Amino acid sequence: MRRKALAAAVLLCLALTVGCSQQHYEERGKADSPVSGRKGEDTAAEVYNFPDGFGNLATKCVGKGKRGYATTRSDQSTDDEVIIIPANAVIVDDPRCTAGS
């Protein structure tokens, strides 16, 4: 159960990069994973923007009694290499999250 919730939060974080070129990420093996039957839950998340240089934060209910928090991914470029800093995701209990939210 916990792995499924974590996977949902990671997918949420990846969804935050929707504006990026799909082809760019597919060519590099970094595209979003497909959702079986395209039936994933895709309601909007609340997003909190932080100043440049800091990861933004997104949060939403990810199941009955569970809330997911995820930070945005970022990259740091060196002269000839791009280093990807992965997003962090956390799932916490939240009694305000009902089955349909």
PDB file of N, CA and C in Angstrom:
ATOM      1  N   MET A   1       0.833  -1.190   0.000  1.00  0.00           N
ATOM      2  CA  MET A   1       0.000   0.000   0.000  1.00  0.00           C
ATOM      3  C   MET A   1       0.875   1.251   0.000  1.00  0.00           C
ATOM      4  N   ARG A   2       1.911   1.239   0.850  1.00  0.00           N
ATOM      5  CA  ARG A   2       2.787   2.406   0.945  1.00  0.00           C
ATOM      6  C   ARG A   2       3.553   2.636  -0.356  1.00  0.00           C
ATOM      7  N   ARG A   3       3.952   1.534  -1.004  1.00  0.00           N
ATOM      8  CA  ARG A   3       4.671   1.670  -2.281  1.00  0.00           C
ATOM      9  C   ARG A   3       3.773   2.266  -3.349  1.00  0.00           C
ATOM     10  N   LYS A   4       2.499   1.855  -3.348  1.00  0.00           N
ATOM     11  CA  LYS A   4       1.559   2.398  -4.330  1.00  0.00           C
ATOM     12  C   LYS A   4       1.368   3.894  -4.106  1.00  0.00           C
ATOM     13  N   ALA A   5       1.268   4.297  -2.838  1.00  0.00           N
ATOM     14  CA  ALA A   5       1.089   5.716  -2.543  1.00  0.00           C
ATOM     15  C   ALA A   5       2.328   6.504  -2.944  1.00  0.00           C
ATOM     16  N   LEU A   6       3.503   5.943  -2.679  1.00  0.00           N
ATOM     17  CA  LEU A   6       4.739   6.618  -3.065  1.00  0.00           C
ATOM     18  C   LEU A   6       4.833   6.721  -4.584  1.00  0.00           C
ATOM     19  N   ALA A   7       4.451   5.648  -5.266  1.00  0.00           N
ATOM     20  CA  ALA A   7       4.475   5.676  -6.732  1.00  0.00           C
ATOM     21  C   ALA A   7       3.518   6.743  -7.259  1.00  0.00           C
ATOM     22  N   ALA A   8       2.357   6.877  -6.632  1.00  0.00           N
ATOM     23  CA  ALA A   8       1.406   7.907  -7.049  1.00  0.00           C
ATOM     24  C   ALA A   8       1.985   9.297  -6.865  1.00  0.00           C
ATOM     25  N   ALA A   9       2.704   9.512  -5.755  1.00  0.00           N
ATOM     26  CA  ALA A   9       3.305  10.814  -5.515  1.00  0.00           C
ATOM     27  C   ALA A   9       4.410  11.109  -6.524  1.00  0.00           C
ATOM     28  N   VAL A  10       5.178  10.095  -6.864  1.00  0.00           N
ATOM     29  CA  VAL A  10       6.238  10.283  -7.861  1.00  0.00           C
ATOM     30  C   VAL A  10       5.623  10.623  -9.216  1.00  0.00           C
ATOM     31  N   LEU A  11       4.541   9.921  -9.582  1.00  0.00           N
ATOM     32  CA  LEU A  11       3.866  10.223 -10.844  1.00  0.00           C
ATOM     33  C   LEU A  11       3.297  11.635 -10.834  1.00  0.00           C
ATOM     34  N   LEU A  12       2.796  12.062  -9.691  1.00  0.00           N
ATOM     35  CA  LEU A  12       2.301  13.429  -9.555  1.00  0.00           C
ATOM     36  C   LEU A  12       3.424  14.421  -9.837  1.00  0.00           C
ATOM     37  N   CYS A  13       4.569  14.151  -9.264  1.00  0.00           N
ATOM     38  CA  CYS A  13       5.704  15.052  -9.468  1.00  0.00           C
ATOM     39  C   CYS A  13       6.088  15.103 -10.953  1.00  0.00           C
ATOM     40  N   LEU A  14       6.086  13.960 -11.588  1.00  0.00           N
ATOM     41  CA  LEU A  14       6.404  13.937 -13.010  1.00  0.00           C
ATOM     42  C   LEU A  14       5.361  14.687 -13.824  1.00  0.00           C
ATOM     43  N   ALA A  15       4.125  14.662 -13.369  1.00  0.00           N
ATOM     44  CA  ALA A  15       3.059  15.370 -14.068  1.00  0.00           C
ATOM     45  C   ALA A  15       3.284  16.875 -14.048  1.00  0.00           C
ATOM     46  N   LEU A  16       4.031  17.367 -13.068  1.00  0.00           N
ATOM     47  CA  LEU A  16       4.307  18.797 -12.976  1.00  0.00           C
ATOM     48  C   LEU A  16       5.164  19.291 -14.132  1.00  0.00           C
ATOM     49  N   THR A  17       5.830  18.368 -14.822  1.00  0.00           N
ATOM     50  CA  THR A  17       6.691  18.752 -15.940  1.00  0.00           C
ATOM     51  C   THR A  17       6.001  18.567 -17.282  1.00  0.00           C
ATOM     52  N   VAL A  18       4.672  18.612 -17.309  1.00  0.00           N
ATOM     53  CA  VAL A  18       3.901  18.381 -18.524  1.00  0.00           C
ATOM     54  C   VAL A  18       4.307  19.324 -19.655  1.00  0.00           C
ATOM     55  N   GLY A  19       4.702  20.533 -19.353  1.00  0.00           N
ATOM     56  CA  GLY A  19       5.043  21.504 -20.380  1.00  0.00           C
ATOM     57  C   GLY A  19       6.328  21.191 -21.114  1.00  0.00           C
ATOM     58  N   CYS A  20       7.095  20.238 -20.650  1.00  0.00           N
ATOM     59  CA  CYS A  20       8.361  19.898 -21.296  1.00  0.00           C
ATOM     60  C   CYS A  20       8.106  19.038 -22.530  1.00  0.00           C
ATOM     61  N   SER A  21       9.013  19.085 -23.466  1.00  0.00           N
ATOM     62  CA  SER A  21       8.877  18.317 -24.697  1.00  0.00           C
ATOM     63  C   SER A  21       8.896  16.825 -24.395  1.00  0.00           C
ATOM     64  N   GLN A  22       7.836  16.130 -24.784  1.00  0.00           N
ATOM     65  CA  GLN A  22       7.757  14.679 -24.558  1.00  0.00           C
ATOM     66  C   GLN A  22       8.874  13.968 -25.322  1.00  0.00           C
ATOM     67  N   GLN A  23       9.118  14.384 -26.548  1.00  0.00           N
ATOM     68  CA  GLN A  23      10.151  13.747 -27.359  1.00  0.00           C
ATOM     69  C   GLN A  23      11.514  13.916 -26.709  1.00  0.00           C
ATOM     70  N   HIS A  24      11.795  15.085 -26.150  1.00  0.00           N
ATOM     71  CA  HIS A  24      13.077  15.349 -25.485  1.00  0.00           C
ATOM     72  C   HIS A  24      13.330  14.333 -24.380  1.00  0.00           C
ATOM     73  N   TYR A  25      12.317  14.062 -23.574  1.00  0.00           N
ATOM     74  CA  TYR A  25      12.488  13.138 -22.461  1.00  0.00           C
ATOM     75  C   TYR A  25      12.472  11.685 -22.911  1.00  0.00           C
ATOM     76  N   GLU A  26      11.646  11.348 -23.902  1.00  0.00           N
ATOM     77  CA  GLU A  26      11.610   9.969 -24.385  1.00  0.00           C
ATOM     78  C   GLU A  26      12.946   9.569 -24.986  1.00  0.00           C
ATOM     79  N   GLU A  27      13.597  10.477 -25.713  1.00  0.00           N
ATOM     80  CA  GLU A  27      14.882  10.175 -26.328  1.00  0.00           C
ATOM     81  C   GLU A  27      15.942   9.882 -25.279  1.00  0.00           C
ATOM     82  N   ARG A  28      15.795  10.429 -24.110  1.00  0.00           N
ATOM     83  CA  ARG A  28      16.793  10.272 -23.058  1.00  0.00           C
ATOM     84  C   ARG A  28      16.366   9.258 -21.984  1.00  0.00           C
ATOM     85  N   GLY A  29      15.235   8.589 -22.209  1.00  0.00           N
ATOM     86  CA  GLY A  29      14.768   7.598 -21.261  1.00  0.00           C
ATOM     87  C   GLY A  29      14.228   8.191 -19.976  1.00  0.00           C
ATOM     88  N   LYS A  30      13.806   9.458 -20.022  1.00  0.00           N
ATOM     89  CA  LYS A  30      13.332  10.130 -18.816  1.00  0.00           C
ATOM     90  C   LYS A  30      11.867  10.526 -18.907  1.00  0.00           C
ATOM     91  N   ALA A  31      11.133   9.927 -19.836  1.00  0.00           N
ATOM     92  CA  ALA A  31       9.720  10.282 -20.016  1.00  0.00           C
ATOM     93  C   ALA A  31       8.882   9.714 -18.881  1.00  0.00           C
ATOM     94  N   ASP A  32       7.688  10.256 -18.728  1.00  0.00           N
ATOM     95  CA  ASP A  32       6.748   9.784 -17.726  1.00  0.00           C
ATOM     96  C   ASP A  32       6.330   8.354 -18.055  1.00  0.00           C
ATOM     97  N   SER A  33       6.148   7.548 -17.041  1.00  0.00           N
ATOM     98  CA  SER A  33       5.705   6.169 -17.243  1.00  0.00           C
ATOM     99  C   SER A  33       4.257   6.151 -17.710  1.00  0.00           C
ATOM    100  N   PRO A  34       3.916   5.217 -18.600  1.00  0.00           N
ATOM    101  CA  PRO A  34       2.532   5.146 -19.055  1.00  0.00           C
ATOM    102  C   PRO A  34       1.621   4.657 -17.933  1.00  0.00           C
ATOM    103  N   VAL A  35       0.383   5.117 -17.953  1.00  0.00           N
ATOM    104  CA  VAL A  35      -0.625   4.686 -16.992  1.00  0.00           C
ATOM    105  C   VAL A  35      -1.490   3.648 -17.682  1.00  0.00           C
ATOM    106  N   SER A  36      -1.663   2.496 -17.054  1.00  0.00           N
ATOM    107  CA  SER A  36      -2.437   1.408 -17.640  1.00  0.00           C
ATOM    108  C   SER A  36      -3.835   1.870 -18.020  1.00  0.00           C
ATOM    109  N   GLY A  37      -4.168   1.754 -19.279  1.00  0.00           N
ATOM    110  CA  GLY A  37      -5.487   2.128 -19.763  1.00  0.00           C
ATOM    111  C   GLY A  37      -5.777   3.618 -19.664  1.00  0.00           C
ATOM    112  N   ARG A  38      -4.779   4.426 -19.390  1.00  0.00           N
ATOM    113  CA  ARG A  38      -4.928   5.879 -19.243  1.00  0.00           C
ATOM    114  C   ARG A  38      -6.041   6.238 -18.257  1.00  0.00           C
ATOM    115  N   LYS A  39      -6.161   5.460 -17.180  1.00  0.00           N
ATOM    116  CA  LYS A  39      -7.208   5.685 -16.203  1.00  0.00           C
ATOM    117  C   LYS A  39      -6.645   6.193 -14.878  1.00  0.00           C
ATOM    118  N   GLY A  40      -5.552   6.895 -14.915  1.00  0.00           N
ATOM    119  CA  GLY A  40      -4.977   7.434 -13.690  1.00  0.00           C
ATOM    120  C   GLY A  40      -5.797   8.583 -13.140  1.00  0.00           C
ATOM    121  N   GLU A  41      -5.667   8.829 -11.877  1.00  0.00           N
ATOM    122  CA  GLU A  41      -6.352   9.945 -11.215  1.00  0.00           C
ATOM    123  C   GLU A  41      -5.536  11.200 -11.494  1.00  0.00           C
ATOM    124  N   ASP A  42      -6.130  12.200 -12.100  1.00  0.00           N
ATOM    125  CA  ASP A  42      -5.335  13.360 -12.518  1.00  0.00           C
ATOM    126  C   ASP A  42      -5.936  14.693 -12.094  1.00  0.00           C
ATOM    127  N   THR A  43      -6.546  14.744 -10.907  1.00  0.00           N
ATOM    128  CA  THR A  43      -7.046  16.024 -10.420  1.00  0.00           C
ATOM    129  C   THR A  43      -5.866  16.943 -10.117  1.00  0.00           C
ATOM    130  N   ALA A  44      -6.142  18.223 -10.096  1.00  0.00           N
ATOM    131  CA  ALA A  44      -5.083  19.205  -9.870  1.00  0.00           C
ATOM    132  C   ALA A  44      -4.541  19.128  -8.448  1.00  0.00           C
ATOM    133  N   ALA A  45      -3.310  19.525  -8.299  1.00  0.00           N
ATOM    134  CA  ALA A  45      -2.667  19.618  -6.990  1.00  0.00           C
ATOM    135  C   ALA A  45      -2.545  21.088  -6.611  1.00  0.00           C
ATOM    136  N   GLU A  46      -2.421  21.339  -5.320  1.00  0.00           N
ATOM    137  CA  GLU A  46      -2.095  22.694  -4.866  1.00  0.00           C
ATOM    138  C   GLU A  46      -0.590  22.853  -5.025  1.00  0.00           C
ATOM    139  N   VAL A  47      -0.159  23.931  -5.645  1.00  0.00           N
ATOM    140  CA  VAL A  47       1.268  24.150  -5.877  1.00  0.00           C
ATOM    141  C   VAL A  47       1.712  25.405  -5.143  1.00  0.00           C
ATOM    142  N   TYR A  48       2.806  25.271  -4.426  1.00  0.00           N
ATOM    143  CA  TYR A  48       3.392  26.396  -3.697  1.00  0.00           C
ATOM    144  C   TYR A  48       4.735  26.715  -4.342  1.00  0.00           C
ATOM    145  N   ASN A  49       4.833  27.908  -4.905  1.00  0.00           N
ATOM    146  CA  ASN A  49       6.056  28.321  -5.595  1.00  0.00           C
ATOM    147  C   ASN A  49       7.051  28.908  -4.601  1.00  0.00           C
ATOM    148  N   PHE A  50       8.288  28.483  -4.720  1.00  0.00           N
ATOM    149  CA  PHE A  50       9.374  29.019  -3.921  1.00  0.00           C
ATOM    150  C   PHE A  50      10.267  29.858  -4.827  1.00  0.00           C
ATOM    151  N   PRO A  51      11.108  30.711  -4.257  1.00  0.00           N
ATOM    152  CA  PRO A  51      11.988  31.544  -5.094  1.00  0.00           C
ATOM    153  C   PRO A  51      12.898  30.672  -5.966  1.00  0.00           C
ATOM    154  N   ASP A  52      13.388  31.254  -7.063  1.00  0.00           N
ATOM    155  CA  ASP A  52      14.308  30.523  -7.936  1.00  0.00           C
ATOM    156  C   ASP A  52      15.451  29.936  -7.122  1.00  0.00           C
ATOM    157  N   GLY A  53      15.849  28.743  -7.493  1.00  0.00           N
ATOM    158  CA  GLY A  53      16.919  28.063  -6.783  1.00  0.00           C
ATOM    159  C   GLY A  53      16.397  27.098  -5.726  1.00  0.00           C
ATOM    160  N   PHE A  54      15.095  27.135  -5.449  1.00  0.00           N
ATOM    161  CA  PHE A  54      14.484  26.234  -4.486  1.00  0.00           C
ATOM    162  C   PHE A  54      13.390  25.449  -5.193  1.00  0.00           C
ATOM    163  N   GLY A  55      13.206  24.200  -4.812  1.00  0.00           N
ATOM    164  CA  GLY A  55      12.165  23.378  -5.412  1.00  0.00           C
ATOM    165  C   GLY A  55      10.780  23.847  -5.001  1.00  0.00           C
ATOM    166  N   ASN A  56       9.840  23.862  -5.938  1.00  0.00           N
ATOM    167  CA  ASN A  56       8.448  24.162  -5.619  1.00  0.00           C
ATOM    168  C   ASN A  56       7.827  22.939  -4.952  1.00  0.00           C
ATOM    169  N   LEU A  57       6.682  23.134  -4.328  1.00  0.00           N
ATOM    170  CA  LEU A  57       6.023  22.060  -3.604  1.00  0.00           C
ATOM    171  C   LEU A  57       4.607  21.870  -4.128  1.00  0.00           C
ATOM    172  N   ALA A  58       4.222  20.623  -4.353  1.00  0.00           N
ATOM    173  CA  ALA A  58       2.856  20.302  -4.750  1.00  0.00           C
ATOM    174  C   ALA A  58       2.283  19.322  -3.739  1.00  0.00           C
ATOM    175  N   THR A  59       0.983  19.461  -3.463  1.00  0.00           N
ATOM    176  CA  THR A  59       0.327  18.555  -2.526  1.00  0.00           C
ATOM    177  C   THR A  59      -1.098  18.273  -2.979  1.00  0.00           C
ATOM    178  N   LYS A  60      -1.560  17.057  -2.698  1.00  0.00           N
ATOM    179  CA  LYS A  60      -2.940  16.682  -2.969  1.00  0.00           C
ATOM    180  C   LYS A  60      -3.234  15.371  -2.268  1.00  0.00           C
ATOM    181  N   CYS A  61      -4.519  15.071  -2.134  1.00  0.00           N
ATOM    182  CA  CYS A  61      -4.920  13.783  -1.586  1.00  0.00           C
ATOM    183  C   CYS A  61      -4.601  12.705  -2.618  1.00  0.00           C
ATOM    184  N   VAL A  62      -4.037  11.603  -2.141  1.00  0.00           N
ATOM    185  CA  VAL A  62      -3.640  10.532  -3.051  1.00  0.00           C
ATOM    186  C   VAL A  62      -4.324   9.218  -2.698  1.00  0.00           C
ATOM    187  N   GLY A  63      -5.356   9.294  -1.923  1.00  0.00           N
ATOM    188  CA  GLY A  63      -6.113   8.115  -1.531  1.00  0.00           C
ATOM    189  C   GLY A  63      -6.866   8.412  -0.248  1.00  0.00           C
ATOM    190  N   LYS A  64      -7.680   7.492   0.179  1.00  0.00           N
ATOM    191  CA  LYS A  64      -8.466   7.708   1.388  1.00  0.00           C
ATOM    192  C   LYS A  64      -7.531   7.861   2.592  1.00  0.00           C
ATOM    193  N   GLY A  65      -7.593   9.035   3.214  1.00  0.00           N
ATOM    194  CA  GLY A  65      -6.800   9.292   4.407  1.00  0.00           C
ATOM    195  C   GLY A  65      -5.325   9.537   4.160  1.00  0.00           C
ATOM    196  N   LYS A  66      -4.914   9.759   2.921  1.00  0.00           N
ATOM    197  CA  LYS A  66      -3.497   9.950   2.590  1.00  0.00           C
ATOM    198  C   LYS A  66      -3.303  11.211   1.762  1.00  0.00           C
ATOM    199  N   ARG A  67      -2.263  11.965   2.058  1.00  0.00           N
ATOM    200  CA  ARG A  67      -1.895  13.167   1.317  1.00  0.00           C
ATOM    201  C   ARG A  67      -0.451  13.009   0.846  1.00  0.00           C
ATOM    202  N   GLY A  68      -0.224  13.382  -0.411  1.00  0.00           N
ATOM    203  CA  GLY A  68       1.118  13.337  -0.971  1.00  0.00           C
ATOM    204  C   GLY A  68       1.694  14.727  -1.109  1.00  0.00           C
ATOM    205  N   TYR A  69       2.971  14.843  -0.813  1.00  0.00           N
ATOM    206  CA  TYR A  69       3.725  16.076  -1.024  1.00  0.00           C
ATOM    207  C   TYR A  69       4.900  15.732  -1.929  1.00  0.00           C
ATOM    208  N   ALA A  70       5.163  16.575  -2.905  1.00  0.00           N
ATOM    209  CA  ALA A  70       6.276  16.333  -3.813  1.00  0.00           C
ATOM    210  C   ALA A  70       6.943  17.655  -4.167  1.00  0.00           C
ATOM    211  N   THR A  71       8.252  17.623  -4.295  1.00  0.00           N
ATOM    212  CA  THR A  71       8.984  18.797  -4.756  1.00  0.00           C
ATOM    213  C   THR A  71       9.312  18.609  -6.225  1.00  0.00           C
ATOM    214  N   THR A  72       9.598  19.703  -6.905  1.00  0.00           N
ATOM    215  CA  THR A  72       9.935  19.621  -8.319  1.00  0.00           C
ATOM    216  C   THR A  72      11.355  19.102  -8.488  1.00  0.00           C
ATOM    217  N   ARG A  73      11.584  18.515  -9.647  1.00  0.00           N
ATOM    218  CA  ARG A  73      12.940  18.090  -9.988  1.00  0.00           C
ATOM    219  C   ARG A  73      13.706  19.288 -10.504  1.00  0.00           C
ATOM    220  N   SER A  74      15.004  19.200 -10.436  1.00  0.00           N
ATOM    221  CA  SER A  74      15.818  20.253 -11.033  1.00  0.00           C
ATOM    222  C   SER A  74      17.065  19.615 -11.623  1.00  0.00           C
ATOM    223  N   ASP A  75      17.785  20.378 -12.396  1.00  0.00           N
ATOM    224  CA  ASP A  75      19.042  19.875 -12.926  1.00  0.00           C
ATOM    225  C   ASP A  75      20.114  20.930 -12.764  1.00  0.00           C
ATOM    226  N   GLN A  76      21.315  20.467 -12.620  1.00  0.00           N
ATOM    227  CA  GLN A  76      22.470  21.347 -12.542  1.00  0.00           C
ATOM    228  C   GLN A  76      23.391  20.963 -13.685  1.00  0.00           C
ATOM    229  N   SER A  77      23.701  21.921 -14.520  1.00  0.00           N
ATOM    230  CA  SER A  77      24.536  21.631 -15.675  1.00  0.00           C
ATOM    231  C   SER A  77      25.985  21.999 -15.391  1.00  0.00           C
ATOM    232  N   THR A  78      26.869  21.099 -15.778  1.00  0.00           N
ATOM    233  CA  THR A  78      28.289  21.416 -15.790  1.00  0.00           C
ATOM    234  C   THR A  78      28.647  21.650 -17.250  1.00  0.00           C
ATOM    235  N   ASP A  79      29.893  21.828 -17.551  1.00  0.00           N
ATOM    236  CA  ASP A  79      30.294  22.127 -18.921  1.00  0.00           C
ATOM    237  C   ASP A  79      29.822  21.075 -19.928  1.00  0.00           C
ATOM    238  N   ASP A  80      29.906  19.809 -19.570  1.00  0.00           N
ATOM    239  CA  ASP A  80      29.560  18.768 -20.537  1.00  0.00           C
ATOM    240  C   ASP A  80      28.581  17.726 -19.994  1.00  0.00           C
ATOM    241  N   GLU A  81      27.963  18.007 -18.862  1.00  0.00           N
ATOM    242  CA  GLU A  81      27.092  17.012 -18.250  1.00  0.00           C
ATOM    243  C   GLU A  81      25.929  17.687 -17.532  1.00  0.00           C
ATOM    244  N   VAL A  82      24.777  17.047 -17.594  1.00  0.00           N
ATOM    245  CA  VAL A  82      23.611  17.515 -16.855  1.00  0.00           C
ATOM    246  C   VAL A  82      23.386  16.541 -15.705  1.00  0.00           C
ATOM    247  N   ILE A  83      23.325  17.060 -14.499  1.00  0.00           N
ATOM    248  CA  ILE A  83      23.103  16.236 -13.317  1.00  0.00           C
ATOM    249  C   ILE A  83      21.664  16.459 -12.860  1.00  0.00           C
ATOM    250  N   ILE A  84      20.887  15.388 -12.821  1.00  0.00           N
ATOM    251  CA  ILE A  84      19.488  15.474 -12.413  1.00  0.00           C
ATOM    252  C   ILE A  84      19.394  15.280 -10.900  1.00  0.00           C
ATOM    253  N   ILE A  85      18.729  16.207 -10.242  1.00  0.00           N
ATOM    254  CA  ILE A  85      18.465  16.084  -8.822  1.00  0.00           C
ATOM    255  C   ILE A  85      17.025  15.598  -8.699  1.00  0.00           C
ATOM    256  N   PRO A  86      16.820  14.389  -8.163  1.00  0.00           N
ATOM    257  CA  PRO A  86      15.459  13.843  -8.141  1.00  0.00           C
ATOM    258  C   PRO A  86      14.531  14.596  -7.205  1.00  0.00           C
ATOM    259  N   ALA A  87      13.252  14.476  -7.498  1.00  0.00           N
ATOM    260  CA  ALA A  87      12.227  15.072  -6.650  1.00  0.00           C
ATOM    261  C   ALA A  87      12.074  14.232  -5.386  1.00  0.00           C
ATOM    262  N   ASN A  88      11.650  14.872  -4.339  1.00  0.00           N
ATOM    263  CA  ASN A  88      11.338  14.174  -3.098  1.00  0.00           C
ATOM    264  C   ASN A  88       9.826  14.047  -2.995  1.00  0.00           C
ATOM    265  N   ALA A  89       9.373  12.920  -2.493  1.00  0.00           N
ATOM    266  CA  ALA A  89       7.940  12.698  -2.311  1.00  0.00           C
ATOM    267  C   ALA A  89       7.706  12.084  -0.939  1.00  0.00           C
ATOM    268  N   VAL A  90       6.642  12.530  -0.292  1.00  0.00           N
ATOM    269  CA  VAL A  90       6.286  12.031   1.031  1.00  0.00           C
ATOM    270  C   VAL A  90       4.777  11.809   1.067  1.00  0.00           C
ATOM    271  N   ILE A  91       4.352  10.714   1.676  1.00  0.00           N
ATOM    272  CA  ILE A  91       2.932  10.424   1.882  1.00  0.00           C
ATOM    273  C   ILE A  91       2.684  10.455   3.386  1.00  0.00           C
ATOM    274  N   VAL A  92       1.669  11.222   3.797  1.00  0.00           N
ATOM    275  CA  VAL A  92       1.337  11.326   5.218  1.00  0.00           C
ATOM    276  C   VAL A  92      -0.144  11.060   5.425  1.00  0.00           C
ATOM    277  N   ASP A  93      -0.507  10.684   6.654  1.00  0.00           N
ATOM    278  CA  ASP A  93      -1.916  10.515   6.994  1.00  0.00           C
ATOM    279  C   ASP A  93      -2.598  11.890   7.007  1.00  0.00           C
ATOM    280  N   ASP A  94      -3.792  11.951   6.436  1.00  0.00           N
ATOM    281  CA  ASP A  94      -4.580  13.178   6.451  1.00  0.00           C
ATOM    282  C   ASP A  94      -6.052  12.792   6.466  1.00  0.00           C
ATOM    283  N   PRO A  95      -6.704  12.881   7.631  1.00  0.00           N
ATOM    284  CA  PRO A  95      -8.097  12.460   7.716  1.00  0.00           C
ATOM    285  C   PRO A  95      -9.051  13.297   6.840  1.00  0.00           C
ATOM    286  N   ARG A  96      -8.602  14.456   6.366  1.00  0.00           N
ATOM    287  CA  ARG A  96      -9.435  15.279   5.489  1.00  0.00           C
ATOM    288  C   ARG A  96      -9.547  14.703   4.084  1.00  0.00           C
ATOM    289  N   CYS A  97      -8.664  13.775   3.744  1.00  0.00           N
ATOM    290  CA  CYS A  97      -8.686  13.161   2.410  1.00  0.00           C
ATOM    291  C   CYS A  97      -9.690  12.013   2.400  1.00  0.00           C
ATOM    292  N   THR A  98     -10.739  12.187   1.615  1.00  0.00           N
ATOM    293  CA  THR A  98     -11.749  11.141   1.502  1.00  0.00           C
ATOM    294  C   THR A  98     -11.472  10.320   0.257  1.00  0.00           C
ATOM    295  N   ALA A  99     -12.192   9.265   0.071  1.00  0.00           N
ATOM    296  CA  ALA A  99     -11.947   8.353  -1.058  1.00  0.00           C
ATOM    297  C   ALA A  99     -12.053   9.060  -2.406  1.00  0.00           C
ATOM    298  N   GLY A 100     -12.928  10.037  -2.538  1.00  0.00           N
ATOM    299  CA  GLY A 100     -13.123  10.691  -3.820  1.00  0.00           C
ATOM    300  C   GLY A 100     -12.317  11.945  -4.030  1.00  0.00           C
ATOM    301  N   SER A 101     -11.450  12.320  -3.062  1.00  0.00           N
ATOM    302  CA  SER A 101     -10.717  13.590  -3.240  1.00  0.00           C
ATOM    303  C   SER A 101      -9.318  13.384  -3.713  1.00  0.00           C
TER     304      SER A 101
END
